[in-house]
Amino acid sequence: MGKDKTINQEDKFNYFRPIRRIALIFFIGFSIYLFVSTLMLIFLTKPQKEVKLPDVTGKRFMDVYNGLIRKGIKPEIKYRDVFDLDDGVIISQYPEYGRIVAEDSTLKLTVSRSSLYVDVPNLAGVELPVAVNKIKNIHYHDKTVSLLIGVISYMPSDKTPQNVIIEQNPRPGEKIKPDTRINLLVSSGNAPVDASMPNVTEQSIELCYDLLLAKGVQVNEEITETGNIRESGLIAAQTPAKDSPLKKGDLVTLRVRHYPLNEHPYVAYEKVLYRIPDDSAQGLYEAVIDDNRSKRIRFSKNMKPGQKIEFVFQRVGNSKVSILCNKKKIRVIGIDVE
């Protein structure tokens, strides 16, 4: 009987040994789980650093961006078109200045996108020094805007006194950005025509064409495309060079920039390309522009059949381009505002 009791106790011990082992493993595993969970909870609930929002309203976004990032603030911007502010000025912020926020919080900023366009003043008939002062001091939306002076060219005139503006480009009333240059054609009075090549590089073809015609030369335009509409109509290079001697009948070559148009606004530089038919006569070919600005010659050259008439001119409103051969009209090209 004693042996049976001993055997039963050993059997019970052996029976519960795996259960105790499983329980021990479970206990150790659960303890590790609790330990790791506690560490993660402590880490995840670690209090974030707090920052005080600075006042950035009225400042340029690019000037404050790095400072915001260093403070742990994430700027989020949206743009608003304005007429009386420069580009990139912060108009408003949310949350407001002085609020305490957690690090990595988002600061919503409204930033200006300038739509400032200035009406070009009328400078015709104004003396050059007065015109220059007028260009540099234009009052617009309670601020003073200074426009840039481009190329100033001189042309003899019996009608306009010396040193007085004959013409300008862009035209009066056009809306331009403040960094657009104003080119001027100025009277040199009734002095004899200067027999030398003027500097017309970066001048508007619309202004300098009459100046060159007054010198009795023929003008050849080499058209080069530009991706900047504000460069359209400006002369990129000239031959002969500035101050070179000129005589009547000489050929002047101008490389003129042109921006290809998909639509035709009220004022724009247009390119005309016309091939003279093979059965046409040889002689003086001219192109006369008639639009809402004036009637004027913008091409004049001795040519032969098969050659191409190519030039750029500034159109104002709807226009008719009349091609003449020896003063007889042979073709009319219409360009309408879209």
Protein backbone atom coordinates (compact mmCIF):
# COMPACT_ATOMS: atom_id res chain seq x y z
CA MET A 1 0.00 0.00 0.00
CA GLY A 2 2.92 2.36 0.80
CA LYS A 3 4.46 1.80 -2.59
CA ASP A 4 1.19 2.60 -4.36
CA LYS A 5 0.90 5.94 -2.54
CA THR A 6 4.47 6.88 -3.51
CA ILE A 7 3.82 6.01 -7.11
CA ASN A 8 0.64 8.10 -7.17
CA GLN A 9 2.44 11.12 -5.77
CA GLU A 10 5.20 10.82 -8.37
CA ASP A 11 2.60 10.48 -11.10
CA LYS A 12 0.86 13.63 -9.90
CA PHE A 13 4.16 15.51 -9.81
CA ASN A 14 5.06 14.38 -13.31
CA TYR A 15 1.56 15.24 -14.49
CA PHE A 16 1.67 18.84 -13.25
CA ARG A 17 5.31 19.51 -14.32
CA PRO A 18 4.43 20.60 -17.93
CA ILE A 19 1.56 22.70 -16.67
CA ARG A 20 3.84 24.51 -14.26
CA ARG A 21 6.34 25.04 -17.08
CA ILE A 22 3.66 26.50 -19.35
CA ALA A 23 2.46 28.72 -16.53
CA LEU A 24 6.00 29.93 -15.90
CA ILE A 25 6.53 30.71 -19.59
CA PHE A 26 3.20 32.49 -19.72
CA PHE A 27 4.09 34.52 -16.64
CA ILE A 28 7.49 35.52 -18.02
CA GLY A 29 6.00 36.38 -21.42
CA PHE A 30 3.20 38.40 -19.88
CA SER A 31 5.69 40.22 -17.70
CA ILE A 32 7.82 41.11 -20.73
CA TYR A 33 4.67 42.28 -22.57
CA LEU A 34 3.70 44.50 -19.66
CA PHE A 35 7.24 45.91 -19.47
CA VAL A 36 7.40 46.69 -23.18
CA SER A 37 3.88 48.12 -23.18
CA THR A 38 4.75 50.34 -20.27
CA LEU A 39 7.86 51.64 -22.06
CA MET A 40 5.90 52.32 -25.24
CA LEU A 41 3.16 54.08 -23.30
CA ILE A 42 5.72 56.24 -21.54
CA PHE A 43 7.43 57.04 -24.87
CA LEU A 44 4.23 57.78 -26.77
CA THR A 45 2.73 59.89 -24.04
CA LYS A 46 5.90 61.88 -23.53
CA PRO A 47 4.84 65.52 -23.32
CA GLN A 48 5.57 67.43 -26.59
CA LYS A 49 7.61 70.57 -26.62
CA GLU A 50 5.46 73.68 -26.85
CA VAL A 51 6.26 76.82 -28.87
CA LYS A 52 4.85 80.33 -28.97
CA LEU A 53 3.71 81.42 -32.43
CA PRO A 54 5.59 84.48 -33.72
CA ASP A 55 3.92 87.43 -35.47
CA VAL A 56 4.74 87.01 -39.18
CA THR A 57 1.95 89.13 -40.68
CA GLY A 58 3.33 91.79 -43.04
CA LYS A 59 6.65 89.98 -43.46
CA ARG A 60 7.93 88.22 -46.56
CA PHE A 61 7.30 84.49 -46.46
CA MET A 62 10.84 83.69 -47.65
CA ASP A 63 12.29 85.79 -44.81
CA VAL A 64 10.45 83.85 -42.07
CA TYR A 65 10.29 80.34 -43.53
CA ASN A 66 13.58 79.04 -42.08
CA GLY A 67 12.82 80.51 -38.66
CA LEU A 68 9.44 78.76 -38.54
CA ILE A 69 11.00 75.43 -39.48
CA ARG A 70 13.67 75.80 -36.77
CA LYS A 71 10.94 76.39 -34.18
CA GLY A 72 9.23 73.17 -35.26
CA ILE A 73 6.32 74.94 -36.97
CA LYS A 74 5.02 73.66 -40.30
CA PRO A 75 3.90 76.53 -42.57
CA GLU A 76 0.97 75.83 -44.89
CA ILE A 77 0.35 78.58 -47.45
CA LYS A 78 -2.39 79.69 -49.79
CA TYR A 79 -2.14 82.63 -52.21
CA ARG A 80 -4.34 85.67 -52.66
CA ASP A 81 -4.12 87.94 -55.72
CA VAL A 82 -3.61 91.56 -54.67
CA PHE A 83 -3.01 94.91 -56.35
CA ASP A 84 -1.34 96.96 -53.63
CA LEU A 85 1.32 94.59 -52.26
CA ASP A 86 4.47 92.99 -53.53
CA ASP A 87 4.74 89.26 -54.15
CA GLY A 88 5.26 86.94 -51.17
CA VAL A 89 4.02 89.14 -48.30
CA ILE A 90 2.12 87.34 -45.51
CA ILE A 91 -1.37 88.85 -45.27
CA SER A 92 -2.73 86.77 -42.36
CA GLN A 93 -1.91 83.81 -40.14
CA TYR A 94 -3.87 81.18 -38.20
CA PRO A 95 -3.53 80.44 -35.31
CA GLU A 96 -2.89 84.01 -34.31
CA TYR A 97 0.30 85.52 -32.91
CA GLY A 98 1.08 84.56 -29.30
CA ARG A 99 -0.78 81.24 -29.22
CA ILE A 100 1.03 78.35 -27.53
CA VAL A 101 1.01 75.25 -29.73
CA ALA A 102 2.70 71.88 -29.74
CA GLU A 103 5.85 71.39 -31.76
CA ASP A 104 5.17 70.23 -35.35
CA SER A 105 1.88 72.13 -35.42
CA THR A 106 0.70 73.66 -38.71
CA LEU A 107 0.60 77.44 -39.17
CA LYS A 108 -1.74 78.48 -41.98
CA LEU A 109 -0.53 81.53 -43.89
CA THR A 110 -2.19 83.64 -46.59
CA VAL A 111 0.51 85.03 -48.89
CA SER A 112 0.16 87.78 -51.49
CA ARG A 113 0.52 87.13 -55.19
CA SER A 114 0.92 90.52 -56.81
CA SER A 115 -1.43 91.47 -59.60
CA LEU A 116 -0.15 95.03 -59.64
CA TYR A 117 -0.52 96.55 -63.08
CA VAL A 118 0.12 100.23 -63.69
CA ASP A 119 -1.49 102.36 -66.39
CA VAL A 120 1.23 103.78 -68.64
CA PRO A 121 1.13 107.60 -68.50
CA ASN A 122 0.88 109.67 -71.67
CA LEU A 123 4.29 111.22 -72.27
CA ALA A 124 3.81 112.59 -75.81
CA GLY A 125 4.53 116.32 -75.93
CA VAL A 126 6.32 116.26 -72.57
CA GLU A 127 9.92 117.40 -72.21
CA LEU A 128 12.31 114.52 -71.53
CA PRO A 129 13.36 115.49 -67.96
CA VAL A 130 9.70 115.94 -66.96
CA ALA A 131 8.79 112.62 -68.59
CA VAL A 132 11.58 110.82 -66.73
CA ASN A 133 10.38 112.24 -63.41
CA LYS A 134 6.81 111.26 -64.27
CA ILE A 135 7.85 107.69 -65.05
CA LYS A 136 9.70 107.34 -61.76
CA ASN A 137 6.93 108.76 -59.56
CA ILE A 138 3.57 107.20 -60.35
CA HIS A 139 0.99 107.21 -57.55
CA TYR A 140 -1.05 104.03 -57.53
CA HIS A 141 -3.19 102.51 -54.77
CA ASP A 142 -1.76 104.84 -52.11
CA LYS A 143 1.82 103.96 -52.98
CA THR A 144 4.48 105.36 -55.29
CA VAL A 145 5.55 103.10 -58.13
CA SER A 146 8.73 103.72 -60.11
CA LEU A 147 8.71 102.46 -63.69
CA LEU A 148 11.90 101.74 -65.60
CA ILE A 149 13.23 103.80 -68.51
CA GLY A 150 14.24 101.76 -71.52
CA VAL A 151 16.03 102.98 -74.65
CA ILE A 152 15.81 106.66 -75.60
CA SER A 153 16.17 107.36 -79.34
CA TYR A 154 16.32 110.75 -81.05
CA MET A 155 14.66 111.76 -84.32
CA PRO A 156 14.67 115.09 -86.21
CA SER A 157 11.27 116.77 -86.32
CA ASP A 158 9.91 120.04 -87.74
CA LYS A 159 6.71 119.70 -85.69
CA THR A 160 8.00 118.70 -82.26
CA PRO A 161 10.44 120.93 -80.33
CA GLN A 162 13.85 119.61 -79.35
CA ASN A 163 14.03 117.23 -76.37
CA VAL A 164 10.26 116.62 -76.35
CA ILE A 165 8.73 113.13 -76.49
CA ILE A 166 7.33 112.23 -79.92
CA GLU A 167 6.23 108.70 -79.14
CA GLN A 168 6.52 105.99 -76.52
CA ASN A 169 6.25 102.25 -76.11
CA PRO A 170 4.26 100.78 -74.38
CA ARG A 171 1.43 103.06 -75.46
CA PRO A 172 -0.43 105.37 -73.04
CA GLY A 173 -3.11 103.58 -71.04
CA GLU A 174 -1.60 100.09 -71.41
CA LYS A 175 -1.48 98.10 -68.18
CA ILE A 176 2.04 96.93 -67.38
CA LYS A 177 4.04 95.40 -64.54
CA PRO A 178 6.23 97.87 -62.63
CA ASP A 179 9.42 96.27 -64.00
CA THR A 180 8.42 96.93 -67.65
CA ARG A 181 10.71 99.39 -69.42
CA ILE A 182 9.31 102.47 -71.17
CA ASN A 183 11.08 103.19 -74.48
CA LEU A 184 10.99 106.78 -75.74
CA LEU A 185 11.37 108.46 -79.12
CA VAL A 186 12.53 112.04 -78.57
CA SER A 187 12.70 114.97 -80.97
CA SER A 188 16.10 116.39 -81.80
CA GLY A 189 14.41 119.45 -83.32
CA ASN A 190 14.85 120.60 -86.92
CA ALA A 191 18.55 119.80 -86.93
CA PRO A 192 19.85 118.00 -90.02
CA VAL A 193 19.53 114.23 -90.03
CA ASP A 194 22.44 112.56 -88.26
CA ALA A 195 24.21 110.38 -90.86
CA SER A 196 25.18 107.65 -88.39
CA MET A 197 23.58 104.48 -87.09
CA PRO A 198 21.72 105.04 -83.81
CA ASN A 199 21.76 102.56 -80.97
CA VAL A 200 18.42 100.75 -81.28
CA THR A 201 19.28 97.51 -79.48
CA GLU A 202 16.54 96.76 -76.91
CA GLN A 203 14.43 99.51 -78.44
CA SER A 204 10.92 98.79 -79.72
CA ILE A 205 10.74 98.20 -83.49
CA GLU A 206 7.57 100.30 -83.46
CA LEU A 207 9.47 103.35 -82.26
CA CYS A 208 12.74 103.03 -84.12
CA TYR A 209 11.32 102.15 -87.55
CA ASP A 210 10.29 105.75 -88.29
CA LEU A 211 13.66 106.91 -86.96
CA LEU A 212 15.49 104.71 -89.47
CA LEU A 213 13.16 105.64 -92.35
CA ALA A 214 13.99 109.30 -91.64
CA LYS A 215 17.63 108.44 -92.34
CA GLY A 216 16.68 107.11 -95.79
CA VAL A 217 17.82 103.54 -95.18
CA GLN A 218 16.12 100.22 -95.93
CA VAL A 219 15.30 98.01 -92.98
CA ASN A 220 15.59 94.22 -93.05
CA GLU A 221 14.10 92.35 -90.08
CA GLU A 222 15.31 88.93 -88.99
CA ILE A 223 12.60 87.52 -86.74
CA THR A 224 13.58 85.35 -83.78
CA GLU A 225 11.04 83.72 -81.46
CA THR A 226 10.97 84.47 -77.75
CA GLY A 227 9.13 82.72 -74.93
CA ASN A 228 8.65 86.02 -73.06
CA ILE A 229 5.73 88.08 -74.36
CA ARG A 230 7.19 91.20 -72.77
CA GLU A 231 10.22 90.94 -75.08
CA SER A 232 8.09 90.79 -78.20
CA GLY A 233 8.88 93.62 -80.61
CA LEU A 234 12.22 94.49 -79.01
CA ILE A 235 15.39 94.55 -81.09
CA ALA A 236 17.96 91.98 -79.98
CA ALA A 237 20.81 93.02 -82.31
CA GLN A 238 21.62 95.48 -85.09
CA THR A 239 23.87 95.79 -88.12
CA PRO A 240 25.65 98.13 -88.63
CA ALA A 241 26.81 98.90 -85.10
CA LYS A 242 26.09 102.09 -83.22
CA ASP A 243 27.70 105.27 -84.68
CA SER A 244 28.60 103.54 -87.99
CA PRO A 245 28.27 105.94 -90.96
CA LEU A 246 25.03 105.67 -92.95
CA LYS A 247 24.06 106.96 -96.37
CA LYS A 248 20.73 107.00 -98.14
CA GLY A 249 19.76 103.57 -99.48
CA ASP A 250 21.95 101.56 -97.08
CA LEU A 251 20.55 98.30 -95.72
CA VAL A 252 20.09 98.04 -91.96
CA THR A 253 19.46 94.58 -90.49
CA LEU A 254 17.64 94.24 -87.20
CA ARG A 255 17.09 90.99 -85.29
CA VAL A 256 13.63 91.41 -83.77
CA ARG A 257 12.12 89.21 -81.06
CA HIS A 258 8.57 87.97 -81.50
CA TYR A 259 6.27 86.04 -79.19
CA PRO A 260 3.98 83.70 -81.22
CA LEU A 261 0.33 84.42 -80.44
CA ASN A 262 -2.45 81.87 -80.03
CA GLU A 263 -4.97 84.65 -79.45
CA HIS A 264 -4.95 88.30 -80.51
CA PRO A 265 -5.49 90.76 -77.63
CA TYR A 266 -6.33 94.41 -78.22
CA VAL A 267 -2.66 95.48 -78.23
CA ALA A 268 0.01 93.04 -79.40
CA TYR A 269 3.02 92.59 -81.65
CA GLU A 270 2.10 90.72 -84.82
CA LYS A 271 4.33 89.06 -87.41
CA VAL A 272 3.55 89.40 -91.11
CA LEU A 273 4.98 86.93 -93.61
CA TYR A 274 4.10 87.33 -97.29
CA ARG A 275 5.74 85.71 -100.29
CA ILE A 276 5.77 87.84 -103.45
CA PRO A 277 4.16 85.85 -106.28
CA ASP A 278 6.43 84.78 -109.12
CA ASP A 279 4.35 86.69 -111.67
CA SER A 280 4.62 89.97 -109.75
CA ALA A 281 6.71 92.95 -110.81
CA GLN A 282 10.06 93.96 -109.39
CA GLY A 283 10.14 97.23 -107.50
CA LEU A 284 9.41 99.00 -104.23
CA TYR A 285 7.31 96.90 -101.90
CA GLU A 286 5.66 98.51 -98.89
CA ALA A 287 3.35 97.41 -96.08
CA VAL A 288 0.92 100.01 -94.77
CA ILE A 289 -0.73 99.40 -91.39
CA ASP A 290 -4.19 100.82 -90.69
CA ASP A 291 -5.53 100.18 -87.16
CA ASN A 292 -6.98 102.02 -84.16
CA ARG A 293 -3.68 103.78 -83.65
CA SER A 294 -2.83 105.32 -87.05
CA LYS A 295 -2.06 104.67 -90.68
CA ARG A 296 1.68 104.11 -91.10
CA ILE A 297 4.36 102.36 -93.15
CA ARG A 298 6.03 99.43 -91.44
CA PHE A 299 7.88 97.84 -94.36
CA SER A 300 9.61 99.46 -97.33
CA LYS A 301 12.19 97.72 -99.49
CA ASN A 302 13.14 97.10 -103.14
CA MET A 303 12.36 93.46 -103.85
CA LYS A 304 11.95 90.82 -106.57
CA PRO A 305 9.30 88.15 -107.26
CA GLY A 306 9.67 85.07 -105.05
CA GLN A 307 11.19 86.98 -102.13
CA LYS A 308 9.52 87.15 -98.71
CA ILE A 309 8.20 90.20 -96.92
CA GLU A 310 8.66 89.59 -93.20
CA PHE A 311 8.32 92.10 -90.38
CA VAL A 312 6.91 92.71 -86.89
CA PHE A 313 4.63 95.58 -85.96
CA GLN A 314 2.55 96.61 -82.97
CA ARG A 315 -1.19 96.32 -83.61
CA VAL A 316 -3.80 98.33 -81.72
CA GLY A 317 -7.30 96.91 -82.19
CA ASN A 318 -8.36 95.45 -85.53
CA SER A 319 -5.92 96.14 -88.34
CA LYS A 320 -5.53 95.95 -92.10
CA VAL A 321 -2.11 95.32 -93.59
CA SER A 322 -1.98 96.54 -97.19
CA ILE A 323 0.86 95.22 -99.36
CA LEU A 324 1.82 97.69 -102.11
CA CYS A 325 4.04 97.26 -105.16
CA ASN A 326 5.23 100.52 -106.68
CA LYS A 327 2.41 102.29 -104.76
CA LYS A 328 -0.30 99.92 -106.08
CA LYS A 329 -2.21 97.73 -103.63
CA ILE A 330 -1.79 94.00 -104.41
CA ARG A 331 -2.95 92.32 -101.19
CA VAL A 332 -4.79 93.13 -97.94
CA ILE A 333 -4.29 91.06 -94.79
CA GLY A 334 -6.78 91.48 -91.95
CA ILE A 335 -5.96 90.82 -88.28
CA ASP A 336 -8.87 91.10 -85.83
CA VAL A 337 -8.95 91.21 -82.05
CA GLU A 338 -10.20 87.97 -80.45
